[in-house]
């Protein structure tokens, strides 16, 4: 990964508590990695959806 930037994010206490449980159980090393993973997954999903929507249907396919 390249150089990282710091951003501020406000989250509800419940999400913070849930992230802390995952860190405590050793699933993730820290909160930042949880947030990075969640953002990566969201971007993959959203970009895949956009790609699917923008793909043109071949002319021989009747809608």
PDB file of N, CA and C in Angstrom:
ATOM      1  N   UNK A   1       0.833  -1.175   0.000  1.00  0.00           N
ATOM      2  CA  UNK A   1       0.000   0.000   0.000  1.00  0.00           C
ATOM      3  C   UNK A   1       0.879   1.239   0.000  1.00  0.00           C
ATOM      4  N   UNK A   2       0.449   2.254  -0.714  1.00  0.00           N
ATOM      5  CA  UNK A   2       1.217   3.492  -0.771  1.00  0.00           C
ATOM      6  C   UNK A   2       1.096   4.304   0.506  1.00  0.00           C
ATOM      7  N   UNK A   3       1.546   5.500   0.398  1.00  0.00           N
ATOM      8  CA  UNK A   3       1.496   6.416   1.539  1.00  0.00           C
ATOM      9  C   UNK A   3       0.050   6.614   1.978  1.00  0.00           C
ATOM     10  N   UNK A   4      -0.178   6.555   3.266  1.00  0.00           N
ATOM     11  CA  UNK A   4      -1.533   6.667   3.793  1.00  0.00           C
ATOM     12  C   UNK A   4      -1.801   8.085   4.279  1.00  0.00           C
ATOM     13  N   UNK A   5      -3.054   8.496   4.154  1.00  0.00           N
ATOM     14  CA  UNK A   5      -3.513   9.785   4.650  1.00  0.00           C
ATOM     15  C   UNK A   5      -4.429   9.542   5.831  1.00  0.00           C
ATOM     16  N   UNK A   6      -4.473  10.492   6.730  1.00  0.00           N
ATOM     17  CA  UNK A   6      -5.368  10.417   7.876  1.00  0.00           C
ATOM     18  C   UNK A   6      -6.638  11.190   7.541  1.00  0.00           C
ATOM     19  N   UNK A   7      -7.783  10.557   7.809  1.00  0.00           N
ATOM     20  CA  UNK A   7      -9.062  11.234   7.668  1.00  0.00           C
ATOM     21  C   UNK A   7      -9.826  11.069   8.981  1.00  0.00           C
ATOM     22  N   UNK A   8     -10.722  11.982   9.249  1.00  0.00           N
ATOM     23  CA  UNK A   8     -11.553  11.882  10.448  1.00  0.00           C
ATOM     24  C   UNK A   8     -12.919  11.341  10.056  1.00  0.00           C
ATOM     25  N   UNK A   9     -13.408  10.402  10.837  1.00  0.00           N
ATOM     26  CA  UNK A   9     -14.716   9.805  10.592  1.00  0.00           C
ATOM     27  C   UNK A   9     -15.454   9.722  11.918  1.00  0.00           C
ATOM     28  N   UNK A  10     -16.704  10.131  11.900  1.00  0.00           N
ATOM     29  CA  UNK A  10     -17.523  10.002  13.103  1.00  0.00           C
ATOM     30  C   UNK A  10     -18.380   8.761  12.969  1.00  0.00           C
ATOM     31  N   UNK A  11     -18.329   7.894  13.987  1.00  0.00           N
ATOM     32  CA  UNK A  11     -19.087   6.644  13.987  1.00  0.00           C
ATOM     33  C   UNK A  11     -19.889   6.521  15.266  1.00  0.00           C
ATOM     34  N   UNK A  12     -21.024   5.843  15.192  1.00  0.00           N
ATOM     35  CA  UNK A  12     -21.794   5.589  16.416  1.00  0.00           C
ATOM     36  C   UNK A  12     -21.002   4.685  17.368  1.00  0.00           C
ATOM     37  N   UNK A  13     -21.235   4.854  18.645  1.00  0.00           N
ATOM     38  CA  UNK A  13     -20.503   4.090  19.658  1.00  0.00           C
ATOM     39  C   UNK A  13     -20.678   2.589  19.457  1.00  0.00           C
ATOM     40  N   UNK A  14     -21.851   2.170  18.995  1.00  0.00           N
ATOM     41  CA  UNK A  14     -22.086   0.737  18.776  1.00  0.00           C
ATOM     42  C   UNK A  14     -21.135   0.138  17.750  1.00  0.00           C
ATOM     43  N   UNK A  15     -20.863   0.879  16.665  1.00  0.00           N
ATOM     44  CA  UNK A  15     -19.913   0.386  15.663  1.00  0.00           C
ATOM     45  C   UNK A  15     -18.501   0.326  16.231  1.00  0.00           C
ATOM     46  N   UNK A  16     -18.159   1.313  17.012  1.00  0.00           N
ATOM     47  CA  UNK A  16     -16.820   1.329  17.632  1.00  0.00           C
ATOM     48  C   UNK A  16     -16.676   0.141  18.576  1.00  0.00           C
ATOM     49  N   UNK A  17     -17.718  -0.120  19.360  1.00  0.00           N
ATOM     50  CA  UNK A  17     -17.681  -1.272  20.281  1.00  0.00           C
ATOM     51  C   UNK A  17     -17.524  -2.577  19.504  1.00  0.00           C
ATOM     52  N   UNK A  18     -18.252  -2.712  18.400  1.00  0.00           N
ATOM     53  CA  UNK A  18     -18.167  -3.927  17.586  1.00  0.00           C
ATOM     54  C   UNK A  18     -16.765  -4.082  17.002  1.00  0.00           C
ATOM     55  N   UNK A  19     -16.185  -2.986  16.511  1.00  0.00           N
ATOM     56  CA  UNK A  19     -14.821  -3.048  15.967  1.00  0.00           C
ATOM     57  C   UNK A  19     -13.836  -3.450  17.058  1.00  0.00           C
ATOM     58  N   UNK A  20     -14.007  -2.885  18.246  1.00  0.00           N
ATOM     59  CA  UNK A  20     -13.110  -3.219  19.353  1.00  0.00           C
ATOM     60  C   UNK A  20     -13.192  -4.705  19.709  1.00  0.00           C
ATOM     61  N   UNK A  21     -14.373  -5.304  19.584  1.00  0.00           N
ATOM     62  CA  UNK A  21     -14.517  -6.739  19.844  1.00  0.00           C
ATOM     63  C   UNK A  21     -13.722  -7.552  18.824  1.00  0.00           C
ATOM     64  N   UNK A  22     -13.784  -7.132  17.554  1.00  0.00           N
ATOM     65  CA  UNK A  22     -13.022  -7.840  16.517  1.00  0.00           C
ATOM     66  C   UNK A  22     -11.516  -7.710  16.746  1.00  0.00           C
ATOM     67  N   UNK A  23     -11.085  -6.553  17.184  1.00  0.00           N
ATOM     68  CA  UNK A  23      -9.661  -6.355  17.488  1.00  0.00           C
ATOM     69  C   UNK A  23      -9.278  -7.207  18.699  1.00  0.00           C
ATOM     70  N   UNK A  24     -10.118  -7.183  19.720  1.00  0.00           N
ATOM     71  CA  UNK A  24      -9.841  -7.950  20.943  1.00  0.00           C
ATOM     72  C   UNK A  24      -9.747  -9.445  20.648  1.00  0.00           C
ATOM     73  N   UNK A  25     -10.582  -9.933  19.720  1.00  0.00           N
ATOM     74  CA  UNK A  25     -10.572 -11.361  19.369  1.00  0.00           C
ATOM     75  C   UNK A  25      -9.462 -11.706  18.384  1.00  0.00           C
ATOM     76  N   UNK A  26      -8.735 -10.706  17.908  1.00  0.00           N
ATOM     77  CA  UNK A  26      -7.618 -10.951  17.013  1.00  0.00           C
ATOM     78  C   UNK A  26      -8.005 -11.117  15.553  1.00  0.00           C
ATOM     79  N   UNK A  27      -9.259 -10.790  15.217  1.00  0.00           N
ATOM     80  CA  UNK A  27      -9.695 -10.906  13.821  1.00  0.00           C
ATOM     81  C   UNK A  27      -9.002  -9.846  12.969  1.00  0.00           C
ATOM     82  N   UNK A  28      -8.820  -8.677  13.509  1.00  0.00           N
ATOM     83  CA  UNK A  28      -8.111  -7.572  12.849  1.00  0.00           C
ATOM     84  C   UNK A  28      -7.093  -7.005  13.832  1.00  0.00           C
ATOM     85  N   UNK A  29      -6.006  -6.438  13.312  1.00  0.00           N
ATOM     86  CA  UNK A  29      -4.981  -5.896  14.218  1.00  0.00           C
ATOM     87  C   UNK A  29      -5.387  -4.572  14.869  1.00  0.00           C
ATOM     88  N   UNK A  30      -6.278  -3.820  14.202  1.00  0.00           N
ATOM     89  CA  UNK A  30      -6.683  -2.512  14.742  1.00  0.00           C
ATOM     90  C   UNK A  30      -7.933  -2.005  14.015  1.00  0.00           C
ATOM     91  N   UNK A  31      -8.505  -0.929  14.528  1.00  0.00           N
ATOM     92  CA  UNK A  31      -9.708  -0.338  13.932  1.00  0.00           C
ATOM     93  C   UNK A  31      -9.466   0.116  12.495  1.00  0.00           C
ATOM     94  N   UNK A  32      -8.317   0.688  12.255  1.00  0.00           N
ATOM     95  CA  UNK A  32      -8.024   1.209  10.918  1.00  0.00           C
ATOM     96  C   UNK A  32      -8.111   0.115   9.864  1.00  0.00           C
ATOM     97  N   UNK A  33      -7.605  -1.061  10.183  1.00  0.00           N
ATOM     98  CA  UNK A  33      -7.645  -2.157   9.205  1.00  0.00           C
ATOM     99  C   UNK A  33      -9.082  -2.612   8.963  1.00  0.00           C
ATOM    100  N   UNK A  34      -9.912  -2.579   9.986  1.00  0.00           N
ATOM    101  CA  UNK A  34     -11.332  -2.925   9.811  1.00  0.00           C
ATOM    102  C   UNK A  34     -11.983  -1.944   8.843  1.00  0.00           C
ATOM    103  N   UNK A  35     -11.728  -0.673   9.044  1.00  0.00           N
ATOM    104  CA  UNK A  35     -12.333   0.355   8.200  1.00  0.00           C
ATOM    105  C   UNK A  35     -11.802   0.252   6.771  1.00  0.00           C
ATOM    106  N   UNK A  36     -10.497   0.037   6.609  1.00  0.00           N
ATOM    107  CA  UNK A  36      -9.927  -0.118   5.261  1.00  0.00           C
ATOM    108  C   UNK A  36     -10.564  -1.302   4.536  1.00  0.00           C
ATOM    109  N   UNK A  37     -10.699  -2.433   5.231  1.00  0.00           N
ATOM    110  CA  UNK A  37     -11.292  -3.623   4.622  1.00  0.00           C
ATOM    111  C   UNK A  37     -12.749  -3.370   4.236  1.00  0.00           C
ATOM    112  N   UNK A  38     -13.490  -2.718   5.101  1.00  0.00           N
ATOM    113  CA  UNK A  38     -14.897  -2.427   4.809  1.00  0.00           C
ATOM    114  C   UNK A  38     -15.017  -1.512   3.591  1.00  0.00           C
ATOM    115  N   UNK A  39     -14.158  -0.517   3.499  1.00  0.00           N
ATOM    116  CA  UNK A  39     -14.195   0.405   2.362  1.00  0.00           C
ATOM    117  C   UNK A  39     -13.792  -0.317   1.077  1.00  0.00           C
ATOM    118  N   UNK A  40     -12.758  -1.167   1.146  1.00  0.00           N
ATOM    119  CA  UNK A  40     -12.359  -1.939  -0.039  1.00  0.00           C
ATOM    120  C   UNK A  40     -13.523  -2.780  -0.548  1.00  0.00           C
ATOM    121  N   UNK A  41     -14.211  -3.474   0.347  1.00  0.00           N
ATOM    122  CA  UNK A  41     -15.330  -4.327  -0.046  1.00  0.00           C
ATOM    123  C   UNK A  41     -16.477  -3.503  -0.622  1.00  0.00           C
ATOM    124  N   UNK A  42     -16.780  -2.369  -0.024  1.00  0.00           N
ATOM    125  CA  UNK A  42     -17.840  -1.501  -0.527  1.00  0.00           C
ATOM    126  C   UNK A  42     -17.504  -0.989  -1.920  1.00  0.00           C
ATOM    127  N   UNK A  43     -16.271  -0.550  -2.118  1.00  0.00           N
ATOM    128  CA  UNK A  43     -15.868  -0.036  -3.427  1.00  0.00           C
ATOM    129  C   UNK A  43     -15.910  -1.130  -4.490  1.00  0.00           C
ATOM    130  N   UNK A  44     -15.454  -2.342  -4.158  1.00  0.00           N
ATOM    131  CA  UNK A  44     -15.529  -3.445  -5.115  1.00  0.00           C
ATOM    132  C   UNK A  44     -16.972  -3.701  -5.516  1.00  0.00           C
ATOM    133  N   UNK A  45     -17.856  -3.754  -4.532  1.00  0.00           N
ATOM    134  CA  UNK A  45     -19.269  -4.018  -4.793  1.00  0.00           C
ATOM    135  C   UNK A  45     -19.889  -2.919  -5.648  1.00  0.00           C
ATOM    136  N   UNK A  46     -19.682  -1.682  -5.267  1.00  0.00           N
ATOM    137  CA  UNK A  46     -20.281  -0.553  -5.987  1.00  0.00           C
ATOM    138  C   UNK A  46     -19.718  -0.431  -7.403  1.00  0.00           C
ATOM    139  N   UNK A  47     -18.409  -0.590  -7.549  1.00  0.00           N
ATOM    140  CA  UNK A  47     -17.807  -0.474  -8.871  1.00  0.00           C
ATOM    141  C   UNK A  47     -18.240  -1.628  -9.768  1.00  0.00           C
ATOM    142  N   UNK A  48     -18.391  -2.825  -9.212  1.00  0.00           N
ATOM    143  CA  UNK A  48     -18.863  -3.960  -9.993  1.00  0.00           C
ATOM    144  C   UNK A  48     -20.291  -3.697 -10.482  1.00  0.00           C
ATOM    145  N   UNK A  49     -21.119  -3.152  -9.592  1.00  0.00           N
ATOM    146  CA  UNK A  49     -22.493  -2.837  -9.952  1.00  0.00           C
ATOM    147  C   UNK A  49     -22.541  -1.792 -11.061  1.00  0.00           C
ATOM    148  N   UNK A  50     -21.717  -0.760 -10.947  1.00  0.00           N
ATOM    149  CA  UNK A  50     -21.669   0.272 -11.980  1.00  0.00           C
ATOM    150  C   UNK A  50     -21.228  -0.320 -13.311  1.00  0.00           C
ATOM    151  N   UNK A  51     -20.215  -1.188 -13.268  1.00  0.00           N
ATOM    152  CA  UNK A  51     -19.752  -1.850 -14.490  1.00  0.00           C
ATOM    153  C   UNK A  51     -20.875  -2.652 -15.129  1.00  0.00           C
ATOM    154  N   UNK A  52     -21.597  -3.393 -14.313  1.00  0.00           N
ATOM    155  CA  UNK A  52     -22.682  -4.237 -14.820  1.00  0.00           C
ATOM    156  C   UNK A  52     -23.772  -3.377 -15.447  1.00  0.00           C
ATOM    157  N   UNK A  53     -24.084  -2.245 -14.830  1.00  0.00           N
ATOM    158  CA  UNK A  53     -25.121  -1.355 -15.352  1.00  0.00           C
ATOM    159  C   UNK A  53     -24.686  -0.695 -16.654  1.00  0.00           C
ATOM    160  N   UNK A  54     -23.417  -0.419 -16.796  1.00  0.00           N
ATOM    161  CA  UNK A  54     -22.910   0.288 -17.971  1.00  0.00           C
ATOM    162  C   UNK A  54     -22.591  -0.635 -19.140  1.00  0.00           C
ATOM    163  N   UNK A  55     -22.551  -1.943 -18.882  1.00  0.00           N
ATOM    164  CA  UNK A  55     -22.298  -2.878 -19.981  1.00  0.00           C
ATOM    165  C   UNK A  55     -23.483  -2.859 -20.927  1.00  0.00           C
ATOM    166  N   UNK A  56     -23.207  -2.757 -22.180  1.00  0.00           N
ATOM    167  CA  UNK A  56     -24.311  -2.735 -23.140  1.00  0.00           C
ATOM    168  C   UNK A  56     -24.712  -4.167 -23.475  1.00  0.00           C
ATOM    169  N   UNK A  57     -25.995  -4.336 -23.668  1.00  0.00           N
ATOM    170  CA  UNK A  57     -26.527  -5.630 -24.076  1.00  0.00           C
ATOM    171  C   UNK A  57     -26.357  -5.754 -25.592  1.00  0.00           C
ATOM    172  N   UNK A  58     -25.806  -6.847 -26.056  1.00  0.00           N
ATOM    173  CA  UNK A  58     -25.640  -7.028 -27.493  1.00  0.00           C
ATOM    174  C   UNK A  58     -26.984  -6.890 -28.215  1.00  0.00           C
ATOM    175  N   UNK A  59     -26.936  -6.394 -29.446  1.00  0.00           N
ATOM    176  CA  UNK A  59     -28.150  -6.163 -30.226  1.00  0.00           C
ATOM    177  C   UNK A  59     -28.971  -7.422 -30.449  1.00  0.00           C
ATOM    178  N   UNK A  60     -28.301  -8.569 -30.495  1.00  0.00           N
ATOM    179  CA  UNK A  60     -29.040  -9.804 -30.790  1.00  0.00           C
ATOM    180  C   UNK A  60     -29.843 -10.300 -29.592  1.00  0.00           C
ATOM    181  N   UNK A  61     -29.657  -9.698 -28.428  1.00  0.00           N
ATOM    182  CA  UNK A  61     -30.425 -10.079 -27.236  1.00  0.00           C
ATOM    183  C   UNK A  61     -31.708  -9.244 -27.222  1.00  0.00           C
ATOM    184  N   UNK A  62     -32.848  -9.898 -27.178  1.00  0.00           N
ATOM    185  CA  UNK A  62     -34.119  -9.181 -27.112  1.00  0.00           C
ATOM    186  C   UNK A  62     -34.447  -8.926 -25.661  1.00  0.00           C
ATOM    187  N   UNK A  63     -34.695  -7.679 -25.349  1.00  0.00           N
ATOM    188  CA  UNK A  63     -35.008  -7.317 -23.956  1.00  0.00           C
ATOM    189  C   UNK A  63     -36.458  -7.549 -23.643  1.00  0.00           C
TER     190      UNK A  63
END
